[in-house]
Amino acid sequence: MSLYLFQLLNGVGLGMIYFLMGVGLTIIFGMMNFVNFAHGVFYALGAFICYQVVQITGSYWIGLILTPILIGAVAFALEKILITKLYRVDHAVQILITIGLMLIIREGILIIWGTVPKPVATPSILQGVIFLGDFVYPKYRLFIIAISAGIGFGVWYLLERTKFGITIRAGSENPKMVSLLGVDTDRLFAFTFVFGVALAGIAGALLSPIRGADAFSGDEALGIAFVVVVIGGMGSFTGALLGGLIVGLVQSFTAILWPEGTKVMIYSVMALIILLRPNGLFGKA
């Protein structure tokens, strides 16, 4: 029984990380109709930035705070230089160029930090385990669940309870109408792209004490993020949350029942949902 409870919490923790990766991708697509295949590499870059800040300052907390800021700065520069020119081109062109961008950033990571994954130390206050009767669970994994839930609530509040969030949601429904109402869509698009990418970066920073910083982790992160978005539905915050939890729980429980079939089960669940609901659980046609 303890094993299944352990895996349940692991699944929720992973699901919340996957939610952070997926919600950034779905916000970008829903708002700008932009397919970003470089999204996963920002997850990897976030882990390496966190690692580097920890190496310089000796504090994981500073790394966790600075990572989304620095990732956001990189995303802002890229948006102004390159991404803004891709919003009105065909999706095939967007995919090809963002794949190229992904390869460039990955090579930059390999040049700066090398090919060997870098370990990120868990902060001392979160080391060890918590005892709940006979049940034992790592403190840091509980922290991931709590902080991801807090960030998720902040994203929900921004999108659902603020004027800016209303503008973003309106823009995802009808960008031309929002522009006609006098909204600076260029600034809105830039913020949306930076915000979505920063969420991927902080997901990488949060998971780095568990999985380390790996230049090639972005490939898996991109695949997971797209599965989350496809399951939940493009442009849906609720869908990204539910999709992330579904993927996390499927991966966690499959790991103890059929370790070799983890990826098979994730994509099988995605295929099943596509068959039943082609637009995802909360997606629109």
Protein backbone atom coordinates (compact mmCIF):
# COMPACT_ATOMS: atom_id res chain seq x y z
CA MET A 1 0.00 0.00 0.00
CA SER A 2 2.84 2.40 0.87
CA LEU A 3 4.43 1.75 -2.51
CA TYR A 4 1.28 2.79 -4.38
CA LEU A 5 0.86 5.90 -2.21
CA PHE A 6 4.51 6.74 -2.88
CA GLN A 7 3.96 6.39 -6.62
CA LEU A 8 0.73 8.38 -6.42
CA LEU A 9 2.59 11.34 -4.90
CA ASN A 10 5.42 10.88 -7.40
CA GLY A 11 2.88 10.97 -10.21
CA VAL A 12 1.29 14.15 -8.88
CA GLY A 13 4.72 15.79 -8.53
CA LEU A 14 5.74 14.81 -12.06
CA GLY A 15 2.32 15.82 -13.33
CA MET A 16 2.70 19.33 -11.91
CA ILE A 17 6.12 19.70 -13.57
CA TYR A 18 4.62 18.47 -16.84
CA PHE A 19 1.78 20.96 -16.34
CA LEU A 20 4.28 23.83 -16.12
CA MET A 21 5.90 22.68 -19.36
CA GLY A 22 2.59 22.07 -21.11
CA VAL A 23 0.78 25.23 -20.01
CA GLY A 24 3.58 27.40 -21.41
CA LEU A 25 3.33 25.62 -24.74
CA THR A 26 -0.46 25.76 -24.85
CA ILE A 27 -0.54 29.47 -23.95
CA ILE A 28 1.89 30.25 -26.77
CA PHE A 29 -0.07 28.18 -29.29
CA GLY A 30 -3.50 29.33 -28.14
CA MET A 31 -2.57 33.00 -28.13
CA MET A 32 -0.35 33.24 -31.21
CA ASN A 33 -1.14 30.08 -33.20
CA PHE A 34 2.62 29.54 -33.06
CA VAL A 35 4.17 26.05 -32.96
CA ASN A 36 7.34 26.24 -30.85
CA PHE A 37 9.52 23.14 -31.24
CA ALA A 38 12.27 24.87 -29.25
CA HIS A 39 10.11 24.79 -26.11
CA GLY A 40 11.80 21.71 -24.65
CA VAL A 41 15.33 23.09 -24.90
CA PHE A 42 14.33 25.99 -22.64
CA TYR A 43 13.50 23.40 -20.00
CA ALA A 44 17.06 22.05 -20.33
CA LEU A 45 18.50 25.57 -20.36
CA GLY A 46 16.58 26.38 -17.17
CA ALA A 47 18.21 23.41 -15.43
CA PHE A 48 21.69 24.54 -16.53
CA ILE A 49 21.12 28.16 -15.54
CA CYS A 50 19.97 26.98 -12.12
CA TYR A 51 23.08 24.78 -11.87
CA GLN A 52 25.38 27.67 -12.81
CA VAL A 53 23.78 30.10 -10.37
CA VAL A 54 24.08 27.51 -7.60
CA GLN A 55 27.77 27.06 -8.48
CA ILE A 56 28.38 30.81 -8.27
CA THR A 57 26.23 31.71 -5.27
CA GLY A 58 26.02 28.41 -3.39
CA SER A 59 22.26 28.93 -3.02
CA TYR A 60 19.62 26.87 -4.78
CA TRP A 61 16.97 29.43 -3.81
CA ILE A 62 18.76 32.19 -5.69
CA GLY A 63 19.03 29.83 -8.66
CA LEU A 64 15.31 29.06 -8.52
CA ILE A 65 14.43 32.77 -8.45
CA LEU A 66 16.88 33.89 -11.13
CA THR A 67 16.21 31.04 -13.58
CA PRO A 68 12.82 32.24 -14.91
CA ILE A 69 14.13 35.83 -15.01
CA LEU A 70 17.20 34.90 -17.06
CA ILE A 71 15.25 32.48 -19.27
CA GLY A 72 12.67 35.22 -19.80
CA ALA A 73 15.42 37.65 -20.84
CA VAL A 74 16.75 35.13 -23.39
CA ALA A 75 13.21 34.51 -24.66
CA PHE A 76 12.54 38.25 -24.96
CA ALA A 77 15.68 38.78 -27.05
CA LEU A 78 14.82 35.82 -29.30
CA GLU A 79 11.25 37.01 -29.69
CA LYS A 80 12.35 40.45 -30.83
CA ILE A 81 15.10 39.18 -33.14
CA LEU A 82 13.51 36.06 -34.64
CA ILE A 83 10.18 34.80 -33.33
CA THR A 84 8.20 37.94 -34.14
CA LYS A 85 8.95 37.34 -37.83
CA LEU A 86 7.43 33.84 -37.70
CA TYR A 87 3.92 34.55 -36.41
CA ARG A 88 2.36 34.90 -39.85
CA VAL A 89 4.24 32.19 -41.71
CA ASP A 90 3.08 28.63 -42.34
CA HIS A 91 3.28 26.15 -39.46
CA ALA A 92 5.75 24.03 -41.42
CA VAL A 93 8.14 26.98 -41.55
CA GLN A 94 7.65 27.62 -37.83
CA ILE A 95 8.49 24.01 -37.05
CA LEU A 96 11.64 23.98 -39.22
CA ILE A 97 13.00 27.24 -37.84
CA THR A 98 12.27 26.45 -34.19
CA ILE A 99 13.89 23.01 -34.61
CA GLY A 100 16.95 24.85 -35.92
CA LEU A 101 16.79 27.21 -32.94
CA MET A 102 16.56 24.21 -30.62
CA LEU A 103 19.72 22.68 -32.15
CA ILE A 104 21.60 25.98 -31.87
CA ILE A 105 20.71 26.42 -28.19
CA ARG A 106 21.55 22.78 -27.44
CA GLU A 107 24.95 23.14 -29.09
CA GLY A 108 25.51 26.28 -27.04
CA ILE A 109 24.73 24.32 -23.89
CA LEU A 110 27.17 21.57 -24.91
CA ILE A 111 29.91 24.13 -25.65
CA ILE A 112 29.47 25.93 -22.33
CA TRP A 113 28.73 23.04 -19.95
CA GLY A 114 29.92 19.96 -21.81
CA THR A 115 28.25 16.65 -22.57
CA VAL A 116 28.24 15.24 -19.04
CA PRO A 117 25.02 15.97 -17.04
CA LYS A 118 25.57 18.29 -14.07
CA PRO A 119 24.23 17.49 -10.59
CA VAL A 120 22.30 20.14 -8.68
CA ALA A 121 22.38 19.79 -4.90
CA THR A 122 19.10 19.69 -3.02
CA PRO A 123 18.90 22.59 -0.53
CA SER A 124 19.79 21.43 2.96
CA ILE A 125 16.42 22.34 4.45
CA LEU A 126 14.71 19.99 1.96
CA GLN A 127 17.08 17.08 2.26
CA GLY A 128 15.89 13.89 3.91
CA VAL A 129 12.41 12.48 4.30
CA ILE A 130 9.17 13.09 6.15
CA PHE A 131 7.69 10.32 8.30
CA LEU A 132 3.90 10.00 8.31
CA GLY A 133 3.42 6.95 10.48
CA ASP A 134 4.87 4.06 8.50
CA PHE A 135 4.92 6.12 5.31
CA VAL A 136 8.14 7.86 4.27
CA TYR A 137 8.42 10.44 1.52
CA PRO A 138 11.26 12.78 0.37
CA LYS A 139 10.88 16.39 1.48
CA TYR A 140 12.00 17.82 -1.84
CA ARG A 141 9.35 15.94 -3.81
CA LEU A 142 6.66 17.36 -1.52
CA PHE A 143 8.17 20.79 -2.11
CA ILE A 144 7.84 20.28 -5.88
CA ILE A 145 4.14 19.47 -5.49
CA ALA A 146 3.55 22.52 -3.28
CA ILE A 147 5.55 25.07 -5.30
CA SER A 148 4.17 23.83 -8.64
CA ALA A 149 0.64 24.08 -7.29
CA GLY A 150 1.41 27.62 -6.10
CA ILE A 151 2.79 28.62 -9.50
CA GLY A 152 -0.19 26.98 -11.19
CA PHE A 153 -2.59 28.99 -9.02
CA GLY A 154 -0.68 32.16 -9.91
CA VAL A 155 -0.95 31.38 -13.63
CA TRP A 156 -4.67 30.63 -13.25
CA TYR A 157 -5.24 33.89 -11.37
CA LEU A 158 -3.32 35.87 -14.00
CA LEU A 159 -5.29 34.35 -16.86
CA GLU A 160 -8.74 34.24 -15.25
CA ARG A 161 -8.90 37.13 -12.77
CA THR A 162 -6.87 40.00 -14.25
CA LYS A 163 -7.51 42.41 -17.10
CA PHE A 164 -4.30 41.31 -18.75
CA GLY A 165 -5.38 37.67 -18.56
CA ILE A 166 -8.73 38.55 -20.12
CA THR A 167 -6.83 40.23 -22.96
CA ILE A 168 -4.68 37.13 -23.46
CA ARG A 169 -7.74 34.86 -23.54
CA ALA A 170 -9.55 37.22 -25.89
CA GLY A 171 -6.48 37.28 -28.11
CA SER A 172 -6.45 33.50 -28.26
CA GLU A 173 -10.06 33.58 -29.48
CA ASN A 174 -9.80 36.48 -31.94
CA PRO A 175 -6.41 38.28 -32.24
CA LYS A 176 -7.66 40.61 -35.00
CA MET A 177 -10.55 41.88 -32.89
CA VAL A 178 -8.24 42.53 -29.93
CA SER A 179 -5.94 44.53 -32.23
CA LEU A 180 -8.90 46.59 -33.51
CA LEU A 181 -9.79 47.43 -29.90
CA GLY A 182 -6.47 49.22 -29.53
CA VAL A 183 -4.41 46.55 -27.76
CA ASP A 184 -0.71 46.49 -28.67
CA THR A 185 -0.63 42.93 -29.98
CA ASP A 186 3.13 42.98 -30.53
CA ARG A 187 3.69 43.63 -26.81
CA LEU A 188 1.01 41.10 -25.90
CA PHE A 189 2.60 38.42 -28.08
CA ALA A 190 6.05 39.17 -26.68
CA PHE A 191 4.83 38.83 -23.09
CA THR A 192 2.96 35.62 -23.88
CA PHE A 193 6.02 34.03 -25.48
CA VAL A 194 8.34 35.11 -22.65
CA PHE A 195 5.87 33.95 -20.01
CA GLY A 196 5.38 30.52 -21.61
CA VAL A 197 9.11 29.95 -22.05
CA ALA A 198 9.86 31.10 -18.48
CA LEU A 199 7.44 28.45 -17.17
CA ALA A 200 9.41 25.77 -19.04
CA GLY A 201 12.63 27.16 -17.55
CA ILE A 202 11.38 27.05 -13.98
CA ALA A 203 10.16 23.46 -14.56
CA GLY A 204 13.74 22.55 -15.50
CA ALA A 205 15.09 24.28 -12.40
CA LEU A 206 12.62 22.50 -10.12
CA LEU A 207 13.43 19.06 -11.48
CA SER A 208 17.22 19.61 -11.64
CA PRO A 209 17.97 18.38 -8.06
CA ILE A 210 16.26 15.08 -8.99
CA ARG A 211 17.40 14.55 -12.57
CA GLY A 212 20.33 16.94 -12.87
CA ALA A 213 21.01 19.27 -15.78
CA ASP A 214 21.22 17.35 -19.06
CA ALA A 215 21.61 18.99 -22.47
CA PHE A 216 19.48 16.30 -24.12
CA SER A 217 16.63 16.39 -21.57
CA GLY A 218 14.86 18.95 -23.74
CA ASP A 219 13.90 16.28 -26.27
CA GLU A 220 11.92 14.29 -23.72
CA ALA A 221 10.50 17.50 -22.23
CA LEU A 222 9.24 18.62 -25.65
CA GLY A 223 7.59 15.26 -26.30
CA ILE A 224 5.92 15.26 -22.88
CA ALA A 225 4.75 18.86 -23.29
CA PHE A 226 3.10 18.08 -26.62
CA VAL A 227 1.43 14.97 -25.17
CA VAL A 228 0.08 17.09 -22.29
CA VAL A 229 -1.25 19.71 -24.70
CA VAL A 230 -2.80 17.14 -27.05
CA ILE A 231 -4.50 15.34 -24.16
CA GLY A 232 -5.77 18.53 -22.53
CA GLY A 233 -6.59 20.44 -25.71
CA MET A 234 -4.77 23.29 -27.40
CA GLY A 235 -5.10 26.63 -25.61
CA SER A 236 -6.72 25.25 -22.44
CA PHE A 237 -5.25 25.97 -18.99
CA THR A 238 -7.48 23.36 -17.34
CA GLY A 239 -6.59 20.89 -20.06
CA ALA A 240 -2.85 21.43 -19.47
CA LEU A 241 -3.31 20.80 -15.74
CA LEU A 242 -5.37 17.64 -16.21
CA GLY A 243 -3.14 16.44 -19.06
CA GLY A 244 -0.01 16.91 -16.95
CA LEU A 245 -1.50 14.97 -14.05
CA ILE A 246 -2.69 12.15 -16.34
CA VAL A 247 0.76 11.79 -17.92
CA GLY A 248 2.53 11.98 -14.55
CA LEU A 249 0.32 9.36 -12.93
CA VAL A 250 0.46 7.01 -15.94
CA GLN A 251 4.25 7.27 -16.01
CA SER A 252 4.58 6.77 -12.26
CA PHE A 253 2.37 3.69 -11.97
CA THR A 254 3.63 2.13 -15.18
CA ALA A 255 7.17 2.40 -13.78
CA ILE A 256 6.34 -0.17 -11.09
CA LEU A 257 4.04 -2.38 -13.14
CA TRP A 258 5.81 -2.38 -16.52
CA PRO A 259 9.02 -0.28 -16.44
CA GLU A 260 9.89 -0.95 -20.08
CA GLY A 261 6.49 0.26 -21.27
CA THR A 262 6.38 3.70 -19.68
CA LYS A 263 6.57 5.66 -22.93
CA VAL A 264 4.31 3.18 -24.68
CA MET A 265 1.57 3.75 -22.11
CA ILE A 266 1.91 7.54 -22.22
CA TYR A 267 1.47 7.66 -25.98
CA SER A 268 -1.24 4.98 -25.85
CA VAL A 269 -3.27 7.14 -23.47
CA MET A 270 -2.78 10.09 -25.81
CA ALA A 271 -3.92 8.02 -28.81
CA LEU A 272 -7.00 6.80 -26.91
CA ILE A 273 -8.02 10.34 -25.98
CA ILE A 274 -7.50 11.51 -29.57
CA LEU A 275 -9.81 8.71 -30.77
CA LEU A 276 -12.49 9.62 -28.24
CA ARG A 277 -12.02 13.43 -28.31
CA PRO A 278 -9.99 14.57 -31.33
CA ASN A 279 -9.62 18.12 -29.93
CA GLY A 280 -8.48 16.96 -26.49
CA LEU A 281 -10.37 16.92 -23.20
CA PHE A 282 -10.94 20.69 -23.11
CA GLY A 283 -9.88 21.72 -26.61
CA LYS A 284 -11.97 23.57 -29.14
CA ALA A 285 -12.32 22.73 -32.81
